[in-house]
Protein backbone atom coordinates (compact mmCIF):
# COMPACT_ATOMS: atom_id res chain seq x y z
CA MET A 1 -37.19 -6.53 11.07
CA GLU A 2 -33.37 -7.21 11.10
CA LEU A 3 -30.81 -5.28 9.08
CA VAL A 4 -28.06 -7.48 7.78
CA SER A 5 -24.97 -6.21 6.13
CA THR A 6 -22.73 -8.43 4.23
CA ALA A 7 -19.36 -7.34 2.90
CA HIS A 8 -18.89 -6.93 -0.90
CA ALA A 9 -16.08 -9.13 -2.13
CA GLY A 10 -15.13 -8.41 -5.40
CA PRO A 11 -13.11 -10.55 -8.09
CA CYS A 12 -9.88 -10.04 -6.57
CA THR A 13 -10.51 -9.18 -2.76
CA LYS A 14 -8.47 -12.00 -1.40
CA GLU A 15 -5.40 -11.13 -3.80
CA ILE A 16 -5.51 -7.35 -2.76
CA GLU A 17 -5.66 -8.29 0.95
CA ALA A 18 -2.51 -10.78 0.57
CA LEU A 19 -0.73 -8.17 -1.39
CA GLN A 20 -1.39 -5.25 1.04
CA GLY A 21 0.33 -7.31 3.93
CA ARG A 22 3.52 -7.85 1.47
CA VAL A 23 3.67 -4.15 0.52
CA ASP A 24 3.36 -3.26 4.42
CA ALA A 25 6.01 -5.54 5.33
CA VAL A 26 8.50 -4.25 2.50
CA LEU A 27 7.66 -0.72 3.68
CA GLU A 28 8.38 -1.28 7.16
CA ALA A 29 11.46 -3.23 6.31
CA THR A 30 13.01 -0.45 4.15
CA ALA A 31 11.91 2.61 6.24
CA GLY A 32 15.13 2.55 8.19
CA ALA A 33 17.28 1.97 5.27
CA GLY A 34 17.89 5.71 4.28
CA PRO A 35 18.65 8.88 5.15
CA THR A 36 16.32 10.36 8.07
CA LEU A 37 14.62 13.64 8.07
CA PRO A 38 13.47 16.23 10.71
CA GLU A 39 10.34 15.03 12.78
CA SER A 40 6.89 16.40 11.42
CA GLN A 41 5.04 18.38 13.73
CA PHE A 42 2.61 15.36 14.03
CA ALA A 43 5.35 12.72 15.18
CA GLY A 44 4.97 13.83 18.80
CA LEU A 45 1.16 13.19 18.80
CA HIS A 46 1.96 9.69 19.59
CA HIS A 47 0.34 8.19 16.61
CA GLU A 48 1.41 5.21 14.78
CA PRO A 49 2.62 5.99 11.21
CA THR A 50 0.41 4.62 8.58
CA PRO A 51 2.04 2.70 5.62
CA GLN A 52 0.93 5.75 3.37
CA SER A 53 2.82 8.10 5.72
CA ILE A 54 5.91 5.87 5.90
CA ALA A 55 5.90 5.72 1.91
CA HIS A 56 5.38 9.49 1.54
CA ALA A 57 8.26 10.22 4.09
CA GLU A 58 10.39 7.90 2.19
CA ALA A 59 9.67 9.52 -0.97
CA GLN A 60 10.32 12.98 0.35
CA ALA A 61 13.87 11.63 1.51
CA GLY A 62 14.57 10.85 -2.14
CA GLU A 63 13.89 7.02 -1.69
CA GLY A 64 11.22 4.72 -1.78
CA ALA A 65 9.01 6.16 -4.48
CA GLU A 66 8.21 2.62 -5.24
CA GLY A 67 6.18 2.38 -1.85
CA GLU A 68 3.93 5.31 -2.98
CA HIS A 69 3.44 3.82 -6.29
CA ALA A 70 2.73 0.43 -5.13
CA LEU A 71 -0.06 2.04 -2.51
CA ALA A 72 -1.45 3.82 -5.33
CA GLY A 73 -1.64 0.64 -7.22
CA LEU A 74 -3.32 -1.16 -4.58
CA ALA A 75 -5.95 1.91 -4.10
CA ARG A 76 -6.66 1.35 -8.04
CA ALA A 77 -7.04 -2.38 -7.57
CA ARG A 78 -9.44 -1.88 -4.91
CA GLU A 79 -11.64 0.62 -7.12
CA ALA A 80 -11.49 -2.10 -10.15
CA ASP A 81 -12.45 -4.60 -7.59
CA ARG A 82 -15.42 -2.75 -6.28
CA ALA A 83 -16.73 -1.92 -9.88
CA GLY A 84 -16.17 -5.83 -10.57
CA ASN A 85 -13.63 -5.26 -13.02
CA ALA A 86 -11.19 -8.45 -12.56
CA ARG A 87 -8.96 -7.41 -15.60
CA LEU A 88 -8.26 -4.02 -14.45
CA CYS A 89 -7.73 -5.25 -10.86
CA ASP A 90 -5.26 -7.86 -12.06
CA THR A 91 -3.41 -5.30 -14.22
CA ALA A 92 -3.02 -2.98 -11.17
CA LEU A 93 -1.95 -5.97 -9.03
CA HIS A 94 0.82 -6.63 -11.34
CA ASP A 95 2.11 -3.16 -11.26
CA VAL A 96 2.03 -3.29 -7.35
CA ARG A 97 4.13 -6.65 -7.58
CA ARG A 98 6.59 -5.03 -10.08
CA GLU A 99 6.98 -1.94 -7.96
CA ILE A 100 7.76 -4.00 -4.70
CA ALA A 101 10.03 -6.36 -6.41
CA PRO A 102 13.33 -4.21 -6.11
CA LEU A 103 12.45 -3.47 -2.48
CA ALA A 104 11.68 -6.96 -1.55
CA ALA A 105 14.77 -8.12 -3.13
CA GLY A 106 17.01 -5.45 -1.49
């Protein structure tokens, strides 16, 4: 008996993946634009920062809350996508685009 696993593609999976790439690029581009904070205890562990950790650090520095909001919007879009709710997914993706627009323009 052969078990085959297929990935579930929801109504906006491709749009989520494309927008995730844009969000990641915007977060990386804006990461060095503001003030710096002391390194965390985890910084010396030789791990690459994740988009989420970059966004969180930017928000802690008083900037980049848009990045955290964009990542939260992507999470909402993924949840709606898994549930097959295209309308809710589209709304979440619209919110993400609105959040990153000022960052991408800057």
